[in-house]
Amino acid sequence: MEKQIKKYYIYVLLCEDRTLYTGFTTNVEKRFQTHKLGKGAKYTRSHRPIKILFQKQFPTKHDALSAEYAFKQLTRKQKLQYINNPDSFL
């Protein structure tokens, strides 16, 4: 039996109040549904997510967590620029 390789992602959600939420997961759609049900992060319980704006896969958990941290350091304007042109950043 072949071992399945895990995939790691960062993702950005657009919330009802137009704020952005960034997270890390191994399954973006499943995590999004968890947030929508109010069972995800504390932030998304009060800032309901409405759409997945962006997701990017990374080869290792370390790479994904590092990218998530770096993304969270950006300004909102920089985050939106990254979402529109991810190859120009990180």
Protein backbone atom coordinates (compact mmCIF):
# COMPACT_ATOMS: atom_id res chain seq x y z
CA MET A 1 0.00 0.00 0.00
CA GLU A 2 1.37 3.38 -1.04
CA LYS A 3 1.65 6.07 1.64
CA GLN A 4 -0.40 9.15 0.82
CA ILE A 5 1.56 12.39 0.83
CA LYS A 6 -0.06 15.08 2.95
CA LYS A 7 -0.67 18.47 1.38
CA TYR A 8 -0.42 21.69 3.35
CA TYR A 9 -2.14 24.96 2.49
CA ILE A 10 -2.50 28.54 3.57
CA TYR A 11 -5.85 30.09 2.79
CA VAL A 12 -7.48 33.50 2.96
CA LEU A 13 -11.16 33.97 3.66
CA LEU A 14 -13.28 37.04 3.01
CA CYS A 15 -15.58 37.69 5.96
CA GLU A 16 -19.00 39.38 6.00
CA ASP A 17 -17.50 42.58 7.39
CA ARG A 18 -14.98 42.63 4.49
CA THR A 19 -12.08 41.63 6.76
CA LEU A 20 -9.63 38.90 5.79
CA TYR A 21 -8.85 35.78 7.77
CA THR A 22 -5.73 33.73 7.05
CA GLY A 23 -5.14 30.19 8.21
CA PHE A 24 -3.33 26.92 7.65
CA THR A 25 -4.86 23.51 6.92
CA THR A 26 -4.53 20.23 5.07
CA ASN A 27 -8.04 20.54 3.57
CA VAL A 28 -9.19 24.04 2.62
CA GLU A 29 -12.82 23.27 1.74
CA LYS A 30 -13.38 21.23 4.91
CA ARG A 31 -11.79 23.98 7.04
CA PHE A 32 -13.91 26.65 5.32
CA GLN A 33 -17.08 24.69 6.14
CA THR A 34 -15.94 24.39 9.77
CA HIS A 35 -15.48 28.17 9.93
CA LYS A 36 -18.91 28.74 8.34
CA LEU A 37 -20.51 26.58 11.03
CA GLY A 38 -18.94 28.78 13.72
CA LYS A 39 -16.68 25.96 14.89
CA GLY A 40 -13.39 27.24 13.47
CA ALA A 41 -11.15 29.93 14.82
CA LYS A 42 -12.43 32.36 17.44
CA TYR A 43 -12.10 35.21 14.91
CA THR A 44 -14.41 33.60 12.37
CA ARG A 45 -17.10 32.99 14.97
CA SER A 46 -17.75 36.74 15.10
CA HIS A 47 -16.54 37.60 11.57
CA ARG A 48 -18.45 35.06 9.48
CA PRO A 49 -16.56 33.91 6.38
CA ILE A 50 -18.38 34.12 3.07
CA LYS A 51 -15.78 33.16 0.47
CA ILE A 52 -12.39 31.53 0.00
CA LEU A 53 -10.34 34.25 -1.67
CA PHE A 54 -7.07 32.40 -1.98
CA GLN A 55 -5.29 29.14 -1.28
CA LYS A 56 -1.75 27.99 -1.93
CA GLN A 57 -0.24 24.55 -1.46
CA PHE A 58 3.16 23.95 0.16
CA PRO A 59 5.32 20.82 0.25
CA THR A 60 5.83 20.79 4.02
CA LYS A 61 3.98 21.89 7.12
CA HIS A 62 6.93 24.11 8.02
CA ASP A 63 6.79 25.88 4.65
CA ALA A 64 3.04 26.48 4.96
CA LEU A 65 3.27 27.79 8.52
CA SER A 66 6.18 30.06 7.56
CA ALA A 67 4.19 31.41 4.61
CA GLU A 68 1.14 31.95 6.83
CA TYR A 69 3.24 33.93 9.31
CA ALA A 70 4.83 36.02 6.55
CA PHE A 71 1.43 36.72 4.97
CA LYS A 72 0.00 37.87 8.30
CA GLN A 73 2.80 40.45 8.56
CA LEU A 74 1.64 42.18 5.36
CA THR A 75 -0.68 45.17 5.29
CA ARG A 76 -4.20 44.65 3.94
CA LYS A 77 -3.15 46.35 0.69
CA GLN A 78 -0.14 44.04 0.35
CA LYS A 79 -2.30 41.00 1.12
CA LEU A 80 -4.73 41.92 -1.65
CA GLN A 81 -1.83 42.52 -4.06
CA TYR A 82 -0.43 39.10 -3.15
CA ILE A 83 -3.79 37.40 -3.68
CA ASN A 84 -3.97 38.97 -7.15
CA ASN A 85 -0.35 38.13 -8.03
CA PRO A 86 1.07 35.45 -5.68
CA ASP A 87 4.23 34.89 -7.71
CA SER A 88 5.44 38.41 -6.92
CA PHE A 89 5.68 37.76 -3.14
CA LEU A 90 6.74 35.11 -0.60
